[in-house]
Amino acid sequence: MNRTRLIVGLALTYAVFAVLLNSVGTVILQSIESFHITKGAASSLEGFKDLSIAATSFLLAAQLPRFGLRRAMVVALGVVALACLAMPLAPGFWTTRLMFL
């Protein structure tokens, strides 16, 4: 039973991050419509996503075994949850950038 819960938990965690990372194109189009920004400004979301992944991978990946993989996943999900809560509470393009950072 514990093994099944672990597998389901990991699959759901990866699904959350897969949806988040693969939704950038849709969010760019929605940001243009909702916040009335230019296409160039909206395309900066792609950089926020990619550069934050690269920086995190480069700086923190070596520390994961020391910190703990489970603890790192819980912290990452918590940060994403906080960013999701911030979006409707403070609507603006900067919160969208924060979400992908």
PDB file of N, CA and C in Angstrom:
ATOM      1  N   MET A   1       0.816  -1.196   0.000  1.00  0.00           N
ATOM      2  CA  MET A   1       0.000   0.000   0.000  1.00  0.00           C
ATOM      3  C   MET A   1       0.863   1.265   0.000  1.00  0.00           C
ATOM      4  N   ASN A   2       1.930   1.280   0.800  1.00  0.00           N
ATOM      5  CA  ASN A   2       2.800   2.456   0.850  1.00  0.00           C
ATOM      6  C   ASN A   2       3.485   2.701  -0.479  1.00  0.00           C
ATOM      7  N   ARG A   3       3.868   1.617  -1.157  1.00  0.00           N
ATOM      8  CA  ARG A   3       4.532   1.760  -2.453  1.00  0.00           C
ATOM      9  C   ARG A   3       3.576   2.376  -3.468  1.00  0.00           C
ATOM     10  N   THR A   4       2.322   1.948  -3.436  1.00  0.00           N
ATOM     11  CA  THR A   4       1.323   2.496  -4.350  1.00  0.00           C
ATOM     12  C   THR A   4       1.085   3.978  -4.072  1.00  0.00           C
ATOM     13  N   ARG A   5       0.998   4.351  -2.802  1.00  0.00           N
ATOM     14  CA  ARG A   5       0.825   5.766  -2.448  1.00  0.00           C
ATOM     15  C   ARG A   5       2.009   6.591  -2.910  1.00  0.00           C
ATOM     16  N   LEU A   6       3.207   6.045  -2.769  1.00  0.00           N
ATOM     17  CA  LEU A   6       4.412   6.741  -3.207  1.00  0.00           C
ATOM     18  C   LEU A   6       4.392   6.964  -4.712  1.00  0.00           C
ATOM     19  N   ILE A   7       4.046   5.941  -5.457  1.00  0.00           N
ATOM     20  CA  ILE A   7       4.011   6.049  -6.922  1.00  0.00           C
ATOM     21  C   ILE A   7       2.950   7.047  -7.359  1.00  0.00           C
ATOM     22  N   VAL A   8       1.776   6.990  -6.753  1.00  0.00           N
ATOM     23  CA  VAL A   8       0.702   7.931  -7.100  1.00  0.00           C
ATOM     24  C   VAL A   8       1.119   9.360  -6.734  1.00  0.00           C
ATOM     25  N   GLY A   9       1.722   9.541  -5.568  1.00  0.00           N
ATOM     26  CA  GLY A   9       2.182  10.869  -5.159  1.00  0.00           C
ATOM     27  C   GLY A   9       3.227  11.435  -6.101  1.00  0.00           C
ATOM     28  N   LEU A  10       4.191  10.621  -6.499  1.00  0.00           N
ATOM     29  CA  LEU A  10       5.214  11.089  -7.444  1.00  0.00           C
ATOM     30  C   LEU A  10       4.607  11.419  -8.796  1.00  0.00           C
ATOM     31  N   ALA A  11       3.692  10.574  -9.261  1.00  0.00           N
ATOM     32  CA  ALA A  11       3.054  10.829 -10.556  1.00  0.00           C
ATOM     33  C   ALA A  11       2.262  12.130 -10.521  1.00  0.00           C
ATOM     34  N   LEU A  12       1.534  12.371  -9.441  1.00  0.00           N
ATOM     35  CA  LEU A  12       0.769  13.620  -9.339  1.00  0.00           C
ATOM     36  C   LEU A  12       1.678  14.842  -9.232  1.00  0.00           C
ATOM     37  N   THR A  13       2.781  14.703  -8.511  1.00  0.00           N
ATOM     38  CA  THR A  13       3.730  15.810  -8.397  1.00  0.00           C
ATOM     39  C   THR A  13       4.327  16.153  -9.755  1.00  0.00           C
ATOM     40  N   TYR A  14       4.752  15.134 -10.482  1.00  0.00           N
ATOM     41  CA  TYR A  14       5.301  15.388 -11.813  1.00  0.00           C
ATOM     42  C   TYR A  14       4.237  15.941 -12.744  1.00  0.00           C
ATOM     43  N   ALA A  15       2.987  15.516 -12.584  1.00  0.00           N
ATOM     44  CA  ALA A  15       1.905  16.029 -13.423  1.00  0.00           C
ATOM     45  C   ALA A  15       1.678  17.521 -13.158  1.00  0.00           C
ATOM     46  N   VAL A  16       1.736  17.938 -11.889  1.00  0.00           N
ATOM     47  CA  VAL A  16       1.560  19.356 -11.556  1.00  0.00           C
ATOM     48  C   VAL A  16       2.629  20.196 -12.251  1.00  0.00           C
ATOM     49  N   PHE A  17       3.881  19.762 -12.164  1.00  0.00           N
ATOM     50  CA  PHE A  17       4.949  20.541 -12.780  1.00  0.00           C
ATOM     51  C   PHE A  17       4.906  20.450 -14.304  1.00  0.00           C
ATOM     52  N   ALA A  18       4.463  19.328 -14.852  1.00  0.00           N
ATOM     53  CA  ALA A  18       4.337  19.205 -16.306  1.00  0.00           C
ATOM     54  C   ALA A  18       3.272  20.162 -16.837  1.00  0.00           C
ATOM     55  N   VAL A  19       2.135  20.238 -16.152  1.00  0.00           N
ATOM     56  CA  VAL A  19       1.077  21.160 -16.574  1.00  0.00           C
ATOM     57  C   VAL A  19       1.569  22.604 -16.476  1.00  0.00           C
ATOM     58  N   LEU A  20       2.244  22.926 -15.377  1.00  0.00           N
ATOM     59  CA  LEU A  20       2.747  24.286 -15.189  1.00  0.00           C
ATOM     60  C   LEU A  20       3.743  24.671 -16.284  1.00  0.00           C
ATOM     61  N   LEU A  21       4.689  23.801 -16.564  1.00  0.00           N
ATOM     62  CA  LEU A  21       5.735  24.143 -17.526  1.00  0.00           C
ATOM     63  C   LEU A  21       5.256  24.110 -18.969  1.00  0.00           C
ATOM     64  N   ASN A  22       4.245  23.313 -19.266  1.00  0.00           N
ATOM     65  CA  ASN A  22       3.752  23.225 -20.636  1.00  0.00           C
ATOM     66  C   ASN A  22       2.617  24.202 -20.925  1.00  0.00           C
ATOM     67  N   SER A  23       2.247  25.003 -19.946  1.00  0.00           N
ATOM     68  CA  SER A  23       1.153  25.956 -20.155  1.00  0.00           C
ATOM     69  C   SER A  23       1.650  27.358 -20.485  1.00  0.00           C
ATOM     70  N   VAL A  24       2.929  27.526 -20.689  1.00  0.00           N
ATOM     71  CA  VAL A  24       3.481  28.865 -20.892  1.00  0.00           C
ATOM     72  C   VAL A  24       2.887  29.543 -22.124  1.00  0.00           C
ATOM     73  N   GLY A  25       2.733  28.819 -23.211  1.00  0.00           N
ATOM     74  CA  GLY A  25       2.176  29.416 -24.432  1.00  0.00           C
ATOM     75  C   GLY A  25       0.775  29.947 -24.220  1.00  0.00           C
ATOM     76  N   THR A  26      -0.041  29.166 -23.551  1.00  0.00           N
ATOM     77  CA  THR A  26      -1.403  29.594 -23.263  1.00  0.00           C
ATOM     78  C   THR A  26      -1.420  30.792 -22.329  1.00  0.00           C
ATOM     79  N   VAL A  27      -0.541  30.775 -21.338  1.00  0.00           N
ATOM     80  CA  VAL A  27      -0.478  31.893 -20.387  1.00  0.00           C
ATOM     81  C   VAL A  27       0.005  33.164 -21.078  1.00  0.00           C
ATOM     82  N   ILE A  28       0.904  33.030 -22.029  1.00  0.00           N
ATOM     83  CA  ILE A  28       1.367  34.195 -22.796  1.00  0.00           C
ATOM     84  C   ILE A  28       0.197  34.825 -23.545  1.00  0.00           C
ATOM     85  N   LEU A  29      -0.581  33.999 -24.238  1.00  0.00           N
ATOM     86  CA  LEU A  29      -1.732  34.531 -24.972  1.00  0.00           C
ATOM     87  C   LEU A  29      -2.767  35.144 -24.027  1.00  0.00           C
ATOM     88  N   GLN A  30      -3.002  34.491 -22.907  1.00  0.00           N
ATOM     89  CA  GLN A  30      -3.964  35.014 -21.934  1.00  0.00           C
ATOM     90  C   GLN A  30      -3.471  36.326 -21.318  1.00  0.00           C
ATOM     91  N   SER A  31      -2.162  36.436 -21.089  1.00  0.00           N
ATOM     92  CA  SER A  31      -1.594  37.666 -20.524  1.00  0.00           C
ATOM     93  C   SER A  31      -1.734  38.835 -21.482  1.00  0.00           C
ATOM     94  N   ILE A  32      -1.548  38.571 -22.769  1.00  0.00           N
ATOM     95  CA  ILE A  32      -1.704  39.629 -23.771  1.00  0.00           C
ATOM     96  C   ILE A  32      -3.132  40.164 -23.743  1.00  0.00           C
ATOM     97  N   GLU A  33      -4.091  39.251 -23.664  1.00  0.00           N
ATOM     98  CA  GLU A  33      -5.501  39.654 -23.650  1.00  0.00           C
ATOM     99  C   GLU A  33      -5.905  40.314 -22.334  1.00  0.00           C
ATOM    100  N   SER A  34      -5.487  39.727 -21.221  1.00  0.00           N
ATOM    101  CA  SER A  34      -5.959  40.200 -19.913  1.00  0.00           C
ATOM    102  C   SER A  34      -5.265  41.468 -19.434  1.00  0.00           C
ATOM    103  N   PHE A  35      -3.945  41.525 -19.609  1.00  0.00           N
ATOM    104  CA  PHE A  35      -3.170  42.641 -19.060  1.00  0.00           C
ATOM    105  C   PHE A  35      -2.833  43.694 -20.101  1.00  0.00           C
ATOM    106  N   HIS A  36      -3.232  43.458 -21.366  1.00  0.00           N
ATOM    107  CA  HIS A  36      -2.996  44.403 -22.465  1.00  0.00           C
ATOM    108  C   HIS A  36      -1.520  44.788 -22.552  1.00  0.00           C
ATOM    109  N   ILE A  37      -0.673  43.778 -22.624  1.00  0.00           N
ATOM    110  CA  ILE A  37       0.757  44.005 -22.758  1.00  0.00           C
ATOM    111  C   ILE A  37       1.188  43.607 -24.162  1.00  0.00           C
ATOM    112  N   THR A  38       2.388  43.988 -24.526  1.00  0.00           N
ATOM    113  CA  THR A  38       2.895  43.664 -25.859  1.00  0.00           C
ATOM    114  C   THR A  38       3.308  42.195 -25.925  1.00  0.00           C
ATOM    115  N   LYS A  39       3.425  41.709 -27.135  1.00  0.00           N
ATOM    116  CA  LYS A  39       3.858  40.321 -27.323  1.00  0.00           C
ATOM    117  C   LYS A  39       5.276  40.118 -26.804  1.00  0.00           C
ATOM    118  N   GLY A  40       6.109  41.123 -26.967  1.00  0.00           N
ATOM    119  CA  GLY A  40       7.486  41.032 -26.483  1.00  0.00           C
ATOM    120  C   GLY A  40       7.558  40.910 -24.971  1.00  0.00           C
ATOM    121  N   ALA A  41       6.747  41.706 -24.295  1.00  0.00           N
ATOM    122  CA  ALA A  41       6.724  41.625 -22.827  1.00  0.00           C
ATOM    123  C   ALA A  41       6.160  40.293 -22.366  1.00  0.00           C
ATOM    124  N   ALA A  42       5.134  39.821 -23.045  1.00  0.00           N
ATOM    125  CA  ALA A  42       4.527  38.545 -22.659  1.00  0.00           C
ATOM    126  C   ALA A  42       5.476  37.378 -22.916  1.00  0.00           C
ATOM    127  N   SER A  43       6.283  37.490 -23.956  1.00  0.00           N
ATOM    128  CA  SER A  43       7.208  36.394 -24.255  1.00  0.00           C
ATOM    129  C   SER A  43       8.319  36.284 -23.217  1.00  0.00           C
ATOM    130  N   SER A  44       8.460  37.275 -22.360  1.00  0.00           N
ATOM    131  CA  SER A  44       9.464  37.180 -21.295  1.00  0.00           C
ATOM    132  C   SER A  44       9.130  36.067 -20.307  1.00  0.00           C
ATOM    133  N   LEU A  45       7.882  35.611 -20.300  1.00  0.00           N
ATOM    134  CA  LEU A  45       7.510  34.495 -19.422  1.00  0.00           C
ATOM    135  C   LEU A  45       8.306  33.244 -19.752  1.00  0.00           C
ATOM    136  N   GLU A  46       8.591  33.057 -21.028  1.00  0.00           N
ATOM    137  CA  GLU A  46       9.390  31.899 -21.438  1.00  0.00           C
ATOM    138  C   GLU A  46      10.774  31.955 -20.800  1.00  0.00           C
ATOM    139  N   GLY A  47      11.366  33.134 -20.760  1.00  0.00           N
ATOM    140  CA  GLY A  47      12.661  33.300 -20.109  1.00  0.00           C
ATOM    141  C   GLY A  47      12.585  33.094 -18.613  1.00  0.00           C
ATOM    142  N   PHE A  48      11.530  33.575 -17.993  1.00  0.00           N
ATOM    143  CA  PHE A  48      11.365  33.370 -16.555  1.00  0.00           C
ATOM    144  C   PHE A  48      11.300  31.884 -16.241  1.00  0.00           C
ATOM    145  N   LYS A  49      10.626  31.132 -17.089  1.00  0.00           N
ATOM    146  CA  LYS A  49      10.513  29.695 -16.868  1.00  0.00           C
ATOM    147  C   LYS A  49      11.854  29.009 -17.096  1.00  0.00           C
ATOM    148  N   ASP A  50      12.461  29.249 -18.249  1.00  0.00           N
ATOM    149  CA  ASP A  50      13.675  28.526 -18.621  1.00  0.00           C
ATOM    150  C   ASP A  50      14.879  28.900 -17.766  1.00  0.00           C
ATOM    151  N   LEU A  51      15.067  30.189 -17.516  1.00  0.00           N
ATOM    152  CA  LEU A  51      16.240  30.609 -16.747  1.00  0.00           C
ATOM    153  C   LEU A  51      16.149  30.182 -15.286  1.00  0.00           C
ATOM    154  N   SER A  52      14.946  30.180 -14.731  1.00  0.00           N
ATOM    155  CA  SER A  52      14.818  29.731 -13.341  1.00  0.00           C
ATOM    156  C   SER A  52      15.072  28.229 -13.225  1.00  0.00           C
ATOM    157  N   ILE A  53      14.668  27.465 -14.222  1.00  0.00           N
ATOM    158  CA  ILE A  53      14.954  26.024 -14.215  1.00  0.00           C
ATOM    159  C   ILE A  53      16.453  25.795 -14.316  1.00  0.00           C
ATOM    160  N   ALA A  54      17.106  26.516 -15.215  1.00  0.00           N
ATOM    161  CA  ALA A  54      18.550  26.344 -15.391  1.00  0.00           C
ATOM    162  C   ALA A  54      19.311  26.750 -14.131  1.00  0.00           C
ATOM    163  N   ALA A  55      18.950  27.864 -13.546  1.00  0.00           N
ATOM    164  CA  ALA A  55      19.640  28.325 -12.337  1.00  0.00           C
ATOM    165  C   ALA A  55      19.425  27.369 -11.176  1.00  0.00           C
ATOM    166  N   THR A  56      18.202  26.914 -11.005  1.00  0.00           N
ATOM    167  CA  THR A  56      17.913  25.984  -9.917  1.00  0.00           C
ATOM    168  C   THR A  56      18.653  24.681 -10.114  1.00  0.00           C
ATOM    169  N   SER A  57      18.654  24.175 -11.329  1.00  0.00           N
ATOM    170  CA  SER A  57      19.363  22.928 -11.613  1.00  0.00           C
ATOM    171  C   SER A  57      20.852  23.075 -11.347  1.00  0.00           C
ATOM    172  N   PHE A  58      21.406  24.187 -11.788  1.00  0.00           N
ATOM    173  CA  PHE A  58      22.839  24.396 -11.639  1.00  0.00           C
ATOM    174  C   PHE A  58      23.242  24.587 -10.181  1.00  0.00           C
ATOM    175  N   LEU A  59      22.469  25.366  -9.439  1.00  0.00           N
ATOM    176  CA  LEU A  59      22.854  25.714  -8.074  1.00  0.00           C
ATOM    177  C   LEU A  59      22.412  24.709  -7.013  1.00  0.00           C
ATOM    178  N   LEU A  60      21.264  24.101  -7.200  1.00  0.00           N
ATOM    179  CA  LEU A  60      20.704  23.286  -6.125  1.00  0.00           C
ATOM    180  C   LEU A  60      20.728  21.774  -6.363  1.00  0.00           C
ATOM    181  N   ALA A  61      20.916  21.336  -7.589  1.00  0.00           N
ATOM    182  CA  ALA A  61      20.825  19.905  -7.880  1.00  0.00           C
ATOM    183  C   ALA A  61      21.844  19.098  -7.086  1.00  0.00           C
ATOM    184  N   ALA A  62      23.032  19.616  -6.894  1.00  0.00           N
ATOM    185  CA  ALA A  62      24.055  18.888  -6.139  1.00  0.00           C
ATOM    186  C   ALA A  62      23.715  18.806  -4.654  1.00  0.00           C
ATOM    187  N   GLN A  63      22.880  19.709  -4.170  1.00  0.00           N
ATOM    188  CA  GLN A  63      22.522  19.734  -2.752  1.00  0.00           C
ATOM    189  C   GLN A  63      21.304  18.875  -2.419  1.00  0.00           C
ATOM    190  N   LEU A  64      20.602  18.369  -3.437  1.00  0.00           N
ATOM    191  CA  LEU A  64      19.378  17.604  -3.184  1.00  0.00           C
ATOM    192  C   LEU A  64      19.585  16.371  -2.315  1.00  0.00           C
ATOM    193  N   PRO A  65      20.606  15.568  -2.541  1.00  0.00           N
ATOM    194  CA  PRO A  65      20.772  14.397  -1.659  1.00  0.00           C
ATOM    195  C   PRO A  65      20.974  14.792  -0.194  1.00  0.00           C
ATOM    196  N   ARG A  66      21.625  15.888   0.044  1.00  0.00           N
ATOM    197  CA  ARG A  66      21.845  16.360   1.411  1.00  0.00           C
ATOM    198  C   ARG A  66      20.551  16.885   2.030  1.00  0.00           C
ATOM    199  N   PHE A  67      19.755  17.580   1.245  1.00  0.00           N
ATOM    200  CA  PHE A  67      18.504  18.174   1.728  1.00  0.00           C
ATOM    201  C   PHE A  67      17.392  17.132   1.809  1.00  0.00           C
ATOM    202  N   GLY A  68      17.418  16.186   0.898  1.00  0.00           N
ATOM    203  CA  GLY A  68      16.387  15.150   0.850  1.00  0.00           C
ATOM    204  C   GLY A  68      15.432  15.385  -0.309  1.00  0.00           C
ATOM    205  N   LEU A  69      15.252  14.362  -1.121  1.00  0.00           N
ATOM    206  CA  LEU A  69      14.406  14.506  -2.300  1.00  0.00           C
ATOM    207  C   LEU A  69      12.943  14.735  -1.920  1.00  0.00           C
ATOM    208  N   ARG A  70      12.474  14.018  -0.923  1.00  0.00           N
ATOM    209  CA  ARG A  70      11.080  14.184  -0.496  1.00  0.00           C
ATOM    210  C   ARG A  70      10.845  15.593   0.043  1.00  0.00           C
ATOM    211  N   ARG A  71      11.742  16.060   0.863  1.00  0.00           N
ATOM    212  CA  ARG A  71      11.617  17.401   1.430  1.00  0.00           C
ATOM    213  C   ARG A  71      11.673  18.459   0.325  1.00  0.00           C
ATOM    214  N   ALA A  72      12.531  18.249  -0.672  1.00  0.00           N
ATOM    215  CA  ALA A  72      12.640  19.194  -1.780  1.00  0.00           C
ATOM    216  C   ALA A  72      11.343  19.240  -2.589  1.00  0.00           C
ATOM    217  N   MET A  73      10.719  18.095  -2.805  1.00  0.00           N
ATOM    218  CA  MET A  73       9.455  18.060  -3.547  1.00  0.00           C
ATOM    219  C   MET A  73       8.354  18.764  -2.764  1.00  0.00           C
ATOM    220  N   VAL A  74       8.309  18.558  -1.462  1.00  0.00           N
ATOM    221  CA  VAL A  74       7.286  19.208  -0.634  1.00  0.00           C
ATOM    222  C   VAL A  74       7.494  20.724  -0.650  1.00  0.00           C
ATOM    223  N   VAL A  75       8.735  21.171  -0.534  1.00  0.00           N
ATOM    224  CA  VAL A  75       9.022  22.614  -0.575  1.00  0.00           C
ATOM    225  C   VAL A  75       8.648  23.182  -1.942  1.00  0.00           C
ATOM    226  N   ALA A  76       8.993  22.484  -3.013  1.00  0.00           N
ATOM    227  CA  ALA A  76       8.668  22.962  -4.360  1.00  0.00           C
ATOM    228  C   ALA A  76       7.161  23.055  -4.558  1.00  0.00           C
ATOM    229  N   LEU A  77       6.414  22.061  -4.108  1.00  0.00           N
ATOM    230  CA  LEU A  77       4.956  22.118  -4.224  1.00  0.00           C
ATOM    231  C   LEU A  77       4.377  23.248  -3.373  1.00  0.00           C
ATOM    232  N   GLY A  78       4.969  23.498  -2.223  1.00  0.00           N
ATOM    233  CA  GLY A  78       4.524  24.606  -1.382  1.00  0.00           C
ATOM    234  C   GLY A  78       4.746  25.953  -2.034  1.00  0.00           C
ATOM    235  N   VAL A  79       5.892  26.111  -2.675  1.00  0.00           N
ATOM    236  CA  VAL A  79       6.193  27.370  -3.371  1.00  0.00           C
ATOM    237  C   VAL A  79       5.217  27.579  -4.532  1.00  0.00           C
ATOM    238  N   VAL A  80       4.933  26.516  -5.275  1.00  0.00           N
ATOM    239  CA  VAL A  80       3.973  26.618  -6.379  1.00  0.00           C
ATOM    240  C   VAL A  80       2.580  26.949  -5.842  1.00  0.00           C
ATOM    241  N   ALA A  81       2.205  26.337  -4.731  1.00  0.00           N
ATOM    242  CA  ALA A  81       0.894  26.632  -4.134  1.00  0.00           C
ATOM    243  C   ALA A  81       0.798  28.096  -3.714  1.00  0.00           C
ATOM    244  N   LEU A  82       1.854  28.627  -3.116  1.00  0.00           N
ATOM    245  CA  LEU A  82       1.850  30.039  -2.727  1.00  0.00           C
ATOM    246  C   LEU A  82       1.753  30.956  -3.944  1.00  0.00           C
ATOM    247  N   ALA A  83       2.464  30.603  -5.008  1.00  0.00           N
ATOM    248  CA  ALA A  83       2.399  31.401  -6.233  1.00  0.00           C
ATOM    249  C   ALA A  83       1.001  31.335  -6.839  1.00  0.00           C
ATOM    250  N   CYS A  84       0.361  30.174  -6.774  1.00  0.00           N
ATOM    251  CA  CYS A  84      -1.011  30.042  -7.288  1.00  0.00           C
ATOM    252  C   CYS A  84      -1.980  30.882  -6.466  1.00  0.00           C
ATOM    253  N   LEU A  85      -1.763  30.947  -5.169  1.00  0.00           N
ATOM    254  CA  LEU A  85      -2.619  31.779  -4.319  1.00  0.00           C
ATOM    255  C   LEU A  85      -2.390  33.266  -4.568  1.00  0.00           C
ATOM    256  N   ALA A  86      -1.155  33.636  -4.901  1.00  0.00           N
ATOM    257  CA  ALA A  86      -0.833  35.047  -5.121  1.00  0.00           C
ATOM    258  C   ALA A  86      -1.467  35.587  -6.396  1.00  0.00           C
ATOM    259  N   MET A  87      -1.668  34.737  -7.393  1.00  0.00           N
ATOM    260  CA  MET A  87      -2.171  35.225  -8.679  1.00  0.00           C
ATOM    261  C   MET A  87      -3.551  35.888  -8.586  1.00  0.00           C
ATOM    262  N   PRO A  88      -4.550  35.292  -7.952  1.00  0.00           N
ATOM    263  CA  PRO A  88      -5.839  35.998  -7.884  1.00  0.00           C
ATOM    264  C   PRO A  88      -5.866  37.100  -6.820  1.00  0.00           C
ATOM    265  N   LEU A  89      -5.001  36.991  -5.813  1.00  0.00           N
ATOM    266  CA  LEU A  89      -4.995  38.001  -4.759  1.00  0.00           C
ATOM    267  C   LEU A  89      -4.341  39.302  -5.207  1.00  0.00           C
ATOM    268  N   ALA A  90      -3.364  39.202  -6.069  1.00  0.00           N
ATOM    269  CA  ALA A  90      -2.671  40.384  -6.594  1.00  0.00           C
ATOM    270  C   ALA A  90      -2.575  40.243  -8.106  1.00  0.00           C
ATOM    271  N   PRO A  91      -3.701  40.438  -8.810  1.00  0.00           N
ATOM    272  CA  PRO A  91      -3.680  40.226 -10.257  1.00  0.00           C
ATOM    273  C   PRO A  91      -2.797  41.250 -10.960  1.00  0.00           C
ATOM    274  N   GLY A  92      -1.906  40.747 -11.731  1.00  0.00           N
ATOM    275  CA  GLY A  92      -1.000  41.593 -12.489  1.00  0.00           C
ATOM    276  C   GLY A  92      -0.008  40.729 -13.232  1.00  0.00           C
ATOM    277  N   PHE A  93       0.647  41.331 -14.194  1.00  0.00           N
ATOM    278  CA  PHE A  93       1.602  40.554 -14.986  1.00  0.00           C
ATOM    279  C   PHE A  93       2.796  40.137 -14.144  1.00  0.00           C
ATOM    280  N   TRP A  94       3.141  40.918 -13.141  1.00  0.00           N
ATOM    281  CA  TRP A  94       4.289  40.558 -12.293  1.00  0.00           C
ATOM    282  C   TRP A  94       4.006  39.286 -11.509  1.00  0.00           C
ATOM    283  N   THR A  95       2.751  39.034 -11.120  1.00  0.00           N
ATOM    284  CA  THR A  95       2.460  37.776 -10.410  1.00  0.00           C
ATOM    285  C   THR A  95       2.525  36.596 -11.362  1.00  0.00           C
ATOM    286  N   THR A  96       2.216  36.826 -12.633  1.00  0.00           N
ATOM    287  CA  THR A  96       2.364  35.767 -13.623  1.00  0.00           C
ATOM    288  C   THR A  96       3.840  35.430 -13.784  1.00  0.00           C
ATOM    289  N   ARG A  97       4.671  36.452 -13.814  1.00  0.00           N
ATOM    290  CA  ARG A  97       6.125  36.222 -13.869  1.00  0.00           C
ATOM    291  C   ARG A  97       6.606  35.467 -12.634  1.00  0.00           C
ATOM    292  N   LEU A  98       6.096  35.865 -11.487  1.00  0.00           N
ATOM    293  CA  LEU A  98       6.450  35.193 -10.236  1.00  0.00           C
ATOM    294  C   LEU A  98       6.065  33.727 -10.280  1.00  0.00           C
ATOM    295  N   MET A  99       4.928  33.421 -10.877  1.00  0.00           N
ATOM    296  CA  MET A  99       4.465  32.046 -10.967  1.00  0.00           C
ATOM    297  C   MET A  99       5.466  31.182 -11.724  1.00  0.00           C
ATOM    298  N   PHE A 100       6.022  31.704 -12.797  1.00  0.00           N
ATOM    299  CA  PHE A 100       6.953  30.909 -13.587  1.00  0.00           C
ATOM    300  C   PHE A 100       8.392  31.006 -13.092  1.00  0.00           C
ATOM    301  N   LEU A 101       8.636  31.938 -12.210  1.00  0.00           N
ATOM    302  CA  LEU A 101       9.978  32.025 -11.622  1.00  0.00           C
ATOM    303  C   LEU A 101      10.136  30.920 -10.594  1.00  0.00           C
TER     304      LEU A 101
END
